[in-house]
Protein backbone atom coordinates (compact mmCIF):
# COMPACT_ATOMS: atom_id res chain seq x y z
CA MET A 1 112.21 1.71 48.38
CA LEU A 2 108.53 0.75 48.46
CA ARG A 3 109.42 -2.94 48.18
CA ARG A 4 111.81 -2.65 51.14
CA PHE A 5 109.17 -0.82 53.20
CA VAL A 6 106.56 -3.49 52.47
CA ALA A 7 109.01 -6.28 53.28
CA THR A 8 109.93 -4.64 56.58
CA LEU A 9 106.28 -4.13 57.46
CA VAL A 10 105.48 -7.77 56.73
CA VAL A 11 108.34 -8.95 58.94
CA LEU A 12 107.30 -6.66 61.80
CA VAL A 13 103.65 -7.72 61.62
CA LEU A 14 104.65 -11.39 61.51
CA ALA A 15 107.01 -10.97 64.46
CA ALA A 16 104.35 -9.15 66.49
CA GLY A 17 101.74 -11.81 65.72
CA LEU A 18 104.07 -14.65 66.65
CA ALA A 19 105.08 -12.87 69.86
CA ILE A 20 101.43 -12.73 70.89
CA VAL A 21 101.02 -16.44 70.16
CA ALA A 22 104.19 -17.22 72.11
CA TRP A 23 103.06 -15.28 75.20
CA PRO A 24 99.58 -13.70 74.87
CA GLN A 25 99.53 -12.99 78.61
CA VAL A 26 101.72 -9.93 78.08
CA LEU A 27 98.69 -8.15 76.57
CA ASP A 28 96.06 -10.19 78.48
CA LEU A 29 94.93 -11.80 75.21
CA GLN A 30 95.06 -15.45 76.32
CA ARG A 31 91.25 -15.71 76.32
CA ALA A 32 90.63 -13.31 73.44
CA PRO A 33 89.07 -14.43 70.13
CA VAL A 34 91.56 -16.10 67.76
CA ALA A 35 94.44 -15.80 70.25
CA ALA A 36 92.76 -18.36 72.54
CA LEU A 37 92.84 -20.97 69.77
CA ALA A 38 96.27 -19.96 68.46
CA VAL A 39 97.96 -20.58 71.81
CA SER A 40 96.27 -23.95 72.37
CA PHE A 41 98.62 -26.14 70.31
CA ARG A 42 102.12 -25.05 71.25
CA GLY A 43 103.83 -28.27 70.18
CA ALA A 44 102.16 -28.24 66.78
CA ALA A 45 103.04 -24.54 66.39
CA VAL A 46 106.74 -25.33 66.90
CA LEU A 47 106.67 -28.01 64.21
CA ALA A 48 104.75 -25.77 61.81
CA ALA A 49 107.14 -22.84 62.32
CA VAL A 50 110.22 -24.98 61.76
CA GLY A 51 108.67 -26.64 58.71
CA VAL A 52 107.75 -23.31 57.09
CA ALA A 53 111.21 -21.91 57.88
CA VAL A 54 112.86 -24.86 56.14
CA VAL A 55 110.66 -24.45 53.05
CA LEU A 56 111.30 -20.70 52.86
CA THR A 57 115.03 -21.24 53.21
CA ALA A 58 114.97 -23.76 50.37
CA VAL A 59 113.00 -21.34 48.19
CA GLY A 60 115.47 -18.57 49.00
CA LEU A 61 118.36 -20.69 47.79
CA VAL A 62 116.66 -20.91 44.39
CA VAL A 63 115.03 -17.47 44.05
CA HIS A 64 117.93 -15.12 44.72
CA ARG A 65 115.93 -11.88 44.39
CA ILE A 66 113.94 -12.50 47.58
CA ARG A 67 116.58 -14.53 49.42
CA ARG A 68 117.20 -11.88 52.08
CA PHE A 69 113.51 -11.36 52.81
CA LEU A 70 112.84 -15.10 53.09
CA GLY A 71 115.92 -15.49 55.25
CA VAL A 72 114.68 -12.86 57.71
CA VAL A 73 111.22 -14.44 57.83
CA SER A 74 112.82 -17.83 58.47
CA LEU A 75 114.85 -16.39 61.34
CA VAL A 76 111.69 -14.91 62.88
CA LEU A 77 109.98 -18.31 62.63
CA ILE A 78 112.95 -20.10 64.18
CA GLY A 79 113.07 -17.53 66.97
CA PHE A 80 109.38 -18.17 67.64
CA ALA A 81 109.95 -21.94 67.66
CA VAL A 82 112.84 -21.59 70.13
CA ALA A 83 110.79 -19.35 72.44
CA VAL A 84 107.78 -21.67 72.45
CA THR A 85 109.99 -24.71 72.96
CA GLY A 86 111.44 -22.96 76.00
CA VAL A 87 107.93 -22.46 77.39
CA LEU A 88 107.09 -26.13 76.82
CA LEU A 89 110.29 -27.34 78.47
CA SER A 90 109.74 -25.07 81.47
CA ARG A 91 106.27 -26.56 81.96
CA GLY A 92 107.48 -30.13 81.61
CA ILE A 93 107.24 -32.62 78.78
CA GLY A 94 106.72 -35.60 81.01
CA ALA A 95 107.65 -36.63 84.54
CA PRO A 96 105.10 -39.43 84.77
CA ASP A 97 106.30 -41.20 87.92
CA VAL A 98 103.43 -41.47 90.39
CA PRO A 99 104.54 -42.72 93.83
CA VAL A 100 102.73 -45.44 95.70
CA ALA A 101 99.80 -44.03 97.64
CA GLU A 102 100.26 -43.53 101.36
CA ARG A 103 97.54 -43.66 104.00
CA TYR A 104 96.09 -40.17 103.61
CA ASP A 105 96.80 -39.71 99.89
CA LEU A 106 94.06 -39.08 97.35
CA THR A 107 94.20 -40.31 93.76
CA VAL A 108 92.15 -38.57 91.08
CA LEU A 109 91.35 -40.02 87.67
CA SER A 110 89.70 -37.73 85.11
CA TRP A 111 88.55 -38.89 81.69
CA ASN A 112 86.31 -37.28 79.08
CA THR A 113 84.78 -40.43 77.59
CA LEU A 114 83.32 -38.88 74.41
CA GLY A 115 79.67 -39.49 75.23
CA ASP A 116 79.85 -43.00 76.70
CA SER A 117 82.24 -44.17 73.95
CA VAL A 118 84.54 -45.84 76.50
CA PRO A 119 83.24 -49.18 77.86
CA ALA A 120 82.43 -49.29 81.56
CA GLN A 121 84.91 -52.11 82.14
CA THR A 122 87.72 -50.03 80.63
CA ILE A 123 86.97 -47.07 82.91
CA ALA A 124 86.65 -49.38 85.90
CA ALA A 125 89.99 -51.04 85.11
CA ALA A 126 91.74 -47.66 84.95
CA ALA A 127 90.20 -46.65 88.28
CA ARG A 128 91.00 -49.98 89.92
CA ASP A 129 94.55 -50.32 88.60
CA ASN A 130 95.43 -46.80 89.72
CA ARG A 131 93.56 -47.01 93.03
CA ALA A 132 91.48 -43.94 92.25
CA THR A 133 89.71 -42.24 95.14
CA VAL A 134 87.86 -39.80 92.88
CA VAL A 135 86.86 -40.35 89.23
CA THR A 136 85.56 -37.41 87.20
CA LEU A 137 83.88 -38.35 83.92
CA PRO A 138 82.84 -35.52 81.56
CA GLU A 139 80.52 -36.71 78.77
CA THR A 140 79.58 -39.80 80.78
CA THR A 141 75.96 -40.52 81.60
CA GLY A 142 74.70 -41.56 84.99
CA ASP A 143 73.85 -45.02 83.62
CA ARG A 144 77.40 -45.59 82.40
CA ALA A 145 78.83 -44.26 85.68
CA ARG A 146 76.68 -46.71 87.63
CA GLN A 147 77.93 -49.52 85.40
CA VAL A 148 81.49 -48.47 86.26
CA ALA A 149 80.64 -48.43 89.97
CA ALA A 150 79.05 -51.89 89.70
CA ALA A 151 82.16 -53.28 88.01
CA LEU A 152 84.35 -51.81 90.75
CA GLU A 153 82.08 -53.16 93.47
CA ARG A 154 82.61 -56.66 92.10
CA ASP A 155 86.28 -56.07 92.90
CA GLY A 156 85.40 -55.02 96.44
CA LEU A 157 85.63 -51.26 95.79
CA ARG A 158 82.58 -49.16 96.64
CA TYR A 159 81.91 -45.75 95.09
CA ARG A 160 79.09 -43.24 95.41
CA VAL A 161 77.85 -42.05 91.99
CA PHE A 162 76.79 -38.49 91.16
CA SER A 163 75.67 -37.27 87.74
CA SER A 164 74.29 -34.23 85.96
CA SER A 165 72.76 -33.88 82.50
CA GLN A 166 71.64 -30.85 80.53
CA GLN A 167 69.87 -32.80 77.77
CA ALA A 168 68.34 -36.24 78.15
CA GLY A 169 69.40 -38.71 75.49
CA VAL A 170 72.59 -36.81 74.59
CA PRO A 171 75.48 -38.47 76.49
CA ALA A 172 77.93 -35.70 75.56
CA ARG A 173 75.86 -33.28 77.65
CA SER A 174 76.34 -35.26 80.83
CA THR A 175 79.03 -35.27 83.52
CA SER A 176 79.43 -37.92 86.19
CA LEU A 177 81.53 -38.34 89.31
CA LEU A 178 82.50 -41.33 91.42
CA VAL A 179 83.69 -40.86 95.01
CA ARG A 180 85.08 -43.81 96.92
CA ASP A 181 83.28 -44.66 100.16
CA SER A 182 86.55 -44.49 102.08
CA LEU A 183 86.52 -40.70 101.60
CA GLY A 184 83.30 -40.42 103.59
CA ASP A 185 79.72 -39.40 102.98
CA TYR A 186 79.08 -36.84 100.21
CA ARG A 187 76.09 -34.96 98.87
CA GLN A 188 75.55 -33.06 95.62
CA VAL A 189 75.47 -29.28 96.02
CA GLU A 190 72.63 -27.34 94.41
CA GLY A 191 72.31 -23.64 93.74
CA VAL A 192 75.89 -22.97 92.65
CA GLY A 193 75.12 -22.43 88.98
CA ASP A 194 76.59 -24.46 86.14
CA THR A 195 78.72 -24.31 83.05
CA HIS A 196 77.10 -23.59 79.65
CA SER A 197 75.79 -26.38 77.37
CA VAL A 198 77.91 -29.09 78.98
CA PRO A 199 77.36 -29.62 82.71
CA SER A 200 79.63 -29.60 85.73
CA LEU A 201 78.74 -30.70 89.24
CA VAL A 202 79.82 -30.02 92.82
CA VAL A 203 79.72 -32.36 95.81
CA GLU A 204 80.68 -31.71 99.40
CA PRO A 205 81.35 -33.88 102.44
CA ALA A 206 78.86 -34.27 105.23
CA ALA A 207 79.16 -31.83 108.11
CA GLY A 208 82.12 -32.49 110.37
CA GLN A 209 84.15 -34.44 107.80
CA ASN A 210 87.64 -33.23 106.99
CA ALA A 211 87.39 -34.01 103.29
CA PRO A 212 87.58 -31.79 100.20
CA ARG A 213 84.74 -30.28 98.25
CA ILE A 214 84.95 -31.92 94.81
CA VAL A 215 84.12 -30.23 91.52
CA ALA A 216 83.80 -32.21 88.27
CA VAL A 217 84.26 -29.69 85.45
CA HIS A 218 83.38 -29.57 81.77
CA THR A 219 83.52 -26.21 80.05
CA LEU A 220 82.61 -25.13 76.55
CA ALA A 221 85.37 -25.09 73.93
CA PRO A 222 86.53 -21.67 72.62
CA TYR A 223 85.48 -22.37 69.04
CA ALA A 224 83.12 -19.42 68.58
CA LEU A 225 84.33 -16.22 66.96
CA ASP A 226 83.98 -14.60 70.37
CA PRO A 227 83.94 -17.40 73.01
CA VAL A 228 81.90 -15.56 75.63
CA GLY A 229 80.39 -18.75 77.07
CA TRP A 230 83.80 -20.39 77.43
CA ARG A 231 85.18 -17.43 79.34
CA ALA A 232 82.11 -17.44 81.59
CA ASP A 233 82.61 -21.16 82.25
CA LEU A 234 86.23 -20.60 83.31
CA ARG A 235 85.12 -17.82 85.66
CA TRP A 236 82.49 -20.19 87.10
CA ALA A 237 85.18 -22.79 87.73
CA ALA A 238 87.44 -20.18 89.33
CA ALA A 239 84.63 -19.18 91.69
CA ARG A 240 84.17 -22.81 92.73
CA CYS A 241 87.89 -23.03 93.57
CA SER A 242 87.88 -20.22 96.10
CA GLY A 243 87.47 -22.38 99.21
CA ARG A 244 90.07 -23.72 101.62
CA ASN A 245 89.76 -27.42 100.75
CA VAL A 246 88.79 -27.98 97.12
CA LEU A 247 89.62 -30.64 94.57
CA MET A 248 88.70 -29.90 90.95
CA ALA A 249 89.14 -32.05 87.86
CA GLY A 250 87.78 -32.49 84.37
CA ASP A 251 87.87 -31.19 80.82
CA PHE A 252 88.48 -27.44 80.99
CA ASN A 253 88.95 -26.97 77.23
CA ALA A 254 91.75 -24.65 78.38
CA THR A 255 95.50 -24.88 78.82
CA VAL A 256 97.45 -23.25 81.64
CA ASP A 257 97.88 -20.26 79.30
CA HIS A 258 94.13 -19.70 79.28
CA LEU A 259 93.96 -19.89 83.08
CA ALA A 260 96.42 -17.00 83.45
CA GLY A 261 94.81 -14.05 85.21
CA LEU A 262 92.15 -16.21 86.88
CA GLY A 263 94.35 -16.99 89.87
CA ARG A 264 97.39 -15.83 91.78
CA GLY A 265 99.99 -17.22 89.41
CA THR A 266 100.70 -19.34 86.34
CA GLY A 267 98.58 -22.47 86.22
CA GLN A 268 96.29 -21.33 89.01
CA LEU A 269 92.53 -21.00 89.05
CA SER A 270 91.59 -18.78 91.97
CA THR A 271 93.46 -20.47 94.85
CA CYS A 272 93.76 -23.87 93.12
CA ARG A 273 97.04 -25.04 91.59
CA ASP A 274 97.38 -27.22 88.50
CA GLY A 275 98.76 -30.70 89.17
CA ALA A 276 100.42 -31.14 85.79
CA LEU A 277 102.35 -27.89 86.14
CA ALA A 278 103.35 -28.71 89.72
CA THR A 279 104.86 -32.02 88.57
CA ARG A 280 106.40 -30.89 85.22
CA ASN A 281 103.80 -32.54 82.98
CA ALA A 282 101.94 -29.46 81.76
CA ALA A 283 103.13 -29.64 78.13
CA VAL A 284 101.83 -33.19 77.60
CA GLY A 285 98.71 -33.08 75.43
CA THR A 286 95.48 -34.77 76.48
CA TRP A 287 93.49 -34.02 73.30
CA PRO A 288 93.12 -35.31 70.64
CA THR A 289 94.30 -38.91 70.87
CA SER A 290 94.88 -38.83 67.10
CA MET A 291 97.94 -36.62 67.72
CA PRO A 292 101.11 -37.53 69.62
CA ALA A 293 100.91 -36.23 73.18
CA LEU A 294 103.60 -33.58 72.73
CA ILE A 295 101.76 -32.10 69.74
CA GLY A 296 98.26 -32.18 71.23
CA THR A 297 96.81 -29.69 73.69
CA PRO A 298 96.77 -30.21 77.49
CA ILE A 299 93.18 -29.26 78.34
CA ASP A 300 92.29 -31.91 80.96
CA HIS A 301 93.37 -30.92 84.46
CA VAL A 302 93.40 -31.79 88.13
CA LEU A 303 93.65 -28.81 90.48
CA ALA A 304 93.64 -28.43 94.24
CA THR A 305 93.87 -25.80 96.95
CA PRO A 306 97.23 -25.35 98.77
CA ASN A 307 96.31 -27.72 101.60
CA TRP A 308 97.09 -30.49 99.10
CA ARG A 309 100.47 -31.26 97.56
CA PHE A 310 100.76 -33.05 94.21
CA THR A 311 103.17 -35.98 94.49
CA GLY A 312 102.65 -37.30 90.97
CA PHE A 313 100.76 -36.83 87.74
CA ARG A 314 100.48 -38.82 84.52
CA VAL A 315 98.72 -38.54 81.20
CA LEU A 316 97.58 -42.12 80.45
CA ALA A 317 98.65 -42.40 76.82
CA ASP A 318 98.16 -46.18 76.85
CA GLU A 319 94.37 -45.62 76.65
CA ASP A 320 94.42 -43.99 73.19
CA ALA A 321 92.49 -46.89 71.63
CA ALA A 322 89.81 -47.00 74.34
CA GLY A 323 87.25 -45.04 72.30
CA SER A 324 87.59 -41.45 73.48
CA ASP A 325 89.34 -38.53 71.80
CA HIS A 326 90.72 -37.50 75.21
CA ARG A 327 93.48 -39.14 77.21
CA PRO A 328 92.70 -39.73 80.88
CA VAL A 329 94.84 -37.96 83.47
CA LEU A 330 95.87 -39.29 86.86
CA ALA A 331 97.01 -37.24 89.85
CA ARG A 332 98.10 -38.26 93.34
CA LEU A 333 97.81 -35.75 96.17
CA ARG A 334 99.01 -35.69 99.75
CA PRO A 335 97.92 -33.42 102.60
CA ALA A 336 100.37 -30.52 102.81
CA GLY A 337 102.29 -29.84 106.00
């Protein structure tokens, strides 16, 4: 009797824990300690659950005395894998077609370059080949960003460079932004606060210009036992996305699960919508490049307010050998209406 009670309790605790990992939003735990990390790698979790279920089933075929218990645990794991796979499929495992840019379209390239580890020519080529209007570069110094702009200018493309650093001599604590001259005159905004430890920056168009405010984001990662700073960074980003015409991109160290509750719906941050989710690419991982994209975690985003419509989005998996541990993401947007 005691053995049956313990077995039942183990199964119930396991099922409850896996249910929270599958959909932590039901208890508002998506940004809670432990749960925030557990929900980050959905693709890897599916593979792990299936692998453990197969092993337990094989053990049960040999050890008859605990066959029923192992069988029930395996069914719970398979149920979890099916549920999480359903979530991934609903978010999109890749619809990478990006249409040719029209006259008023904007193209955003975002790439965490791992502290200047990606050569300037490589970044410039990605921006040039994809006709980027805006390039957000977390962990890229101002010097490297200016090298990128110089390389693009040799191709006849002019960009204004903005940069912010929280520690001189440490490239990983810098964030840079390139804005193409065709978008108009921009200035860096001061007095809006910043993210912790790794910087973000905000630029806005000159008065009278009908162009978006642009936010280049880099938040802390939720590695701490209680990731208070990470949660504060996400709230800072949400506050920056409360305007009528905002474009935001960068390394959020957060999936669309983590953004839940910070906006009006799934994949929203305040009034901004996530481009990957809008185009069925939100299950394609951007970090780390050492993992296949469908196993990694999608933490690099492009978001925009509803006056913009996403016409295409792509995770650039062909840049895995460029030097960064992040894949760049590309989004094309068109004025709505």
